[in-house]
Amino acid sequence: MRIRGDVFWQWADPALHHRTHDETLDDGTFIDVQVRLSPSGITQMFIGVYAASGMALHEEAFDSRPGESMTRALAWGVGCARRLAISLKQTERHVA
């Protein structure tokens, strides 16, 4: 179960058309990338990275992805989320 942070709840609007990519990485880290169209047709995106326990490690929302379709933004966001998950894991190892 994911423990959503404030960034997600401020971004969330189930009434808007959206697409989602959920993925559990080998170490149990979970990524959640969502893209949507705003009422004015602007592509927006949410990226969430969650620990295996469900705790939010990183949440980020983009109000606008200029010039990107939902498909292109989703692909970029998935790559970004994977890189963030790896980076957060490496930082965690150096701190511990």
C-alpha atoms as a PDB file:
ATOM      1  CA  MET A   1       0.000   0.000   0.000  1.00  0.00           C
ATOM      2  CA  ARG A   2       1.393   3.388  -0.994  1.00  0.00           C
ATOM      3  CA  ILE A   3       1.383   6.202   1.503  1.00  0.00           C
ATOM      4  CA  ARG A   4       0.646   9.204  -0.686  1.00  0.00           C
ATOM      5  CA  GLY A   5       2.142  12.561   0.163  1.00  0.00           C
ATOM      6  CA  ASP A   6       0.798  16.086  -0.192  1.00  0.00           C
ATOM      7  CA  VAL A   7       2.182  16.475  -3.726  1.00  0.00           C
ATOM      8  CA  PHE A   8       0.009  13.621  -4.974  1.00  0.00           C
ATOM      9  CA  TRP A   9      -3.156  14.803  -3.222  1.00  0.00           C
ATOM     10  CA  GLN A  10      -2.729  18.355  -4.519  1.00  0.00           C
ATOM     11  CA  TRP A  11      -2.231  17.007  -8.040  1.00  0.00           C
ATOM     12  CA  ALA A  12      -4.945  14.326  -8.078  1.00  0.00           C
ATOM     13  CA  ASP A  13      -8.151  14.932 -10.019  1.00  0.00           C
ATOM     14  CA  PRO A  14      -9.911  11.698 -11.026  1.00  0.00           C
ATOM     15  CA  ALA A  15     -12.313  13.601 -13.277  1.00  0.00           C
ATOM     16  CA  LEU A  16      -9.529  14.322 -15.797  1.00  0.00           C
ATOM     17  CA  HIS A  17      -8.532  11.856 -18.536  1.00  0.00           C
ATOM     18  CA  HIS A  18      -5.251  10.233 -17.510  1.00  0.00           C
ATOM     19  CA  ARG A  19      -2.871   7.350 -18.155  1.00  0.00           C
ATOM     20  CA  THR A  20      -0.824   5.520 -15.544  1.00  0.00           C
ATOM     21  CA  HIS A  21       2.329   3.438 -15.439  1.00  0.00           C
ATOM     22  CA  ASP A  22       2.911   1.432 -12.225  1.00  0.00           C
ATOM     23  CA  GLU A  23       6.023  -0.679 -11.821  1.00  0.00           C
ATOM     24  CA  THR A  24       7.671  -2.570  -8.994  1.00  0.00           C
ATOM     25  CA  LEU A  25      11.451  -2.648  -9.368  1.00  0.00           C
ATOM     26  CA  ASP A  26      13.637  -5.611  -8.404  1.00  0.00           C
ATOM     27  CA  ASP A  27      14.388  -4.189  -4.950  1.00  0.00           C
ATOM     28  CA  GLY A  28      10.692  -3.643  -4.187  1.00  0.00           C
ATOM     29  CA  THR A  29      10.724   0.090  -4.905  1.00  0.00           C
ATOM     30  CA  PHE A  30       7.486   1.109  -6.586  1.00  0.00           C
ATOM     31  CA  ILE A  31       7.177   3.808  -9.238  1.00  0.00           C
ATOM     32  CA  ASP A  32       3.940   5.505 -10.218  1.00  0.00           C
ATOM     33  CA  VAL A  33       3.856   7.823 -13.221  1.00  0.00           C
ATOM     34  CA  GLN A  34       0.630   9.485 -14.306  1.00  0.00           C
ATOM     35  CA  VAL A  35      -0.064  11.869 -17.152  1.00  0.00           C
ATOM     36  CA  ARG A  36      -3.258  13.729 -17.878  1.00  0.00           C
ATOM     37  CA  LEU A  37      -4.758  16.491 -19.944  1.00  0.00           C
ATOM     38  CA  SER A  38      -5.851  19.600 -18.097  1.00  0.00           C
ATOM     39  CA  PRO A  39      -9.252  21.092 -18.972  1.00  0.00           C
ATOM     40  CA  SER A  40      -7.433  23.408 -21.393  1.00  0.00           C
ATOM     41  CA  GLY A  41      -5.621  20.474 -23.074  1.00  0.00           C
ATOM     42  CA  ILE A  42      -2.207  20.892 -21.425  1.00  0.00           C
ATOM     43  CA  THR A  43      -0.236  17.703 -20.720  1.00  0.00           C
ATOM     44  CA  GLN A  44       0.529  17.375 -16.998  1.00  0.00           C
ATOM     45  CA  MET A  45       2.472  14.704 -15.140  1.00  0.00           C
ATOM     46  CA  PHE A  46       2.991  13.180 -11.696  1.00  0.00           C
ATOM     47  CA  ILE A  47       6.007  11.066 -10.716  1.00  0.00           C
ATOM     48  CA  GLY A  48       6.021   9.083  -7.479  1.00  0.00           C
ATOM     49  CA  VAL A  49       8.724   6.797  -6.101  1.00  0.00           C
ATOM     50  CA  TYR A  50       7.778   4.678  -3.082  1.00  0.00           C
ATOM     51  CA  ALA A  51       9.749   2.341  -0.829  1.00  0.00           C
ATOM     52  CA  ALA A  52       8.745  -1.315  -0.611  1.00  0.00           C
ATOM     53  CA  SER A  53       7.073  -0.372   2.700  1.00  0.00           C
ATOM     54  CA  GLY A  54       4.863   2.101   0.806  1.00  0.00           C
ATOM     55  CA  MET A  55       6.479   5.260   2.193  1.00  0.00           C
ATOM     56  CA  ALA A  56       6.843   8.079  -0.324  1.00  0.00           C
ATOM     57  CA  LEU A  57      10.496   8.624  -1.228  1.00  0.00           C
ATOM     58  CA  HIS A  58       9.860  11.226  -3.921  1.00  0.00           C
ATOM     59  CA  GLU A  59       6.786  12.877  -5.387  1.00  0.00           C
ATOM     60  CA  GLU A  60       6.839  15.530  -8.072  1.00  0.00           C
ATOM     61  CA  ALA A  61       4.128  17.123 -10.191  1.00  0.00           C
ATOM     62  CA  PHE A  62       4.496  19.027 -13.449  1.00  0.00           C
ATOM     63  CA  ASP A  63       1.754  21.529 -14.314  1.00  0.00           C
ATOM     64  CA  SER A  64       2.850  21.568 -17.923  1.00  0.00           C
ATOM     65  CA  ARG A  65       4.928  19.442 -20.304  1.00  0.00           C
ATOM     66  CA  PRO A  66       5.043  21.847 -23.272  1.00  0.00           C
ATOM     67  CA  GLY A  67       4.993  20.250 -26.690  1.00  0.00           C
ATOM     68  CA  GLU A  68       4.604  16.705 -25.336  1.00  0.00           C
ATOM     69  CA  SER A  69       1.752  14.322 -25.945  1.00  0.00           C
ATOM     70  CA  MET A  70       0.542  12.169 -23.067  1.00  0.00           C
ATOM     71  CA  THR A  71       2.386   9.183 -24.575  1.00  0.00           C
ATOM     72  CA  ARG A  72       5.694  11.028 -24.875  1.00  0.00           C
ATOM     73  CA  ALA A  73       5.398  12.558 -21.394  1.00  0.00           C
ATOM     74  CA  LEU A  74       4.592   9.146 -19.895  1.00  0.00           C
ATOM     75  CA  ALA A  75       7.660   7.566 -21.523  1.00  0.00           C
ATOM     76  CA  TRP A  76       9.898  10.382 -20.263  1.00  0.00           C
ATOM     77  CA  GLY A  77       8.367  10.180 -16.783  1.00  0.00           C
ATOM     78  CA  VAL A  78       8.927   6.418 -16.505  1.00  0.00           C
ATOM     79  CA  GLY A  79      12.603   6.848 -17.386  1.00  0.00           C
ATOM     80  CA  CYS A  80      12.894   9.705 -14.909  1.00  0.00           C
ATOM     81  CA  ALA A  81      11.216   7.682 -12.141  1.00  0.00           C
ATOM     82  CA  ARG A  82      13.546   4.726 -12.722  1.00  0.00           C
ATOM     83  CA  ARG A  83      16.613   6.996 -12.567  1.00  0.00           C
ATOM     84  CA  LEU A  84      15.282   8.632  -9.391  1.00  0.00           C
ATOM     85  CA  ALA A  85      14.716   5.242  -7.760  1.00  0.00           C
ATOM     86  CA  ILE A  86      18.303   4.191  -8.532  1.00  0.00           C
ATOM     87  CA  SER A  87      19.687   7.519  -7.337  1.00  0.00           C
ATOM     88  CA  LEU A  88      17.686   7.388  -4.104  1.00  0.00           C
ATOM     89  CA  LYS A  89      18.887   3.831  -3.468  1.00  0.00           C
ATOM     90  CA  GLN A  90      22.528   4.843  -4.009  1.00  0.00           C
ATOM     91  CA  THR A  91      22.119   7.831  -1.680  1.00  0.00           C
ATOM     92  CA  GLU A  92      20.552   5.569   0.935  1.00  0.00           C
ATOM     93  CA  ARG A  93      23.572   3.216   0.758  1.00  0.00           C
ATOM     94  CA  HIS A  94      26.035   6.085   1.189  1.00  0.00           C
ATOM     95  CA  VAL A  95      24.156   7.478   4.183  1.00  0.00           C
ATOM     96  CA  ALA A  96      23.787   4.136   5.968  1.00  0.00           C
END
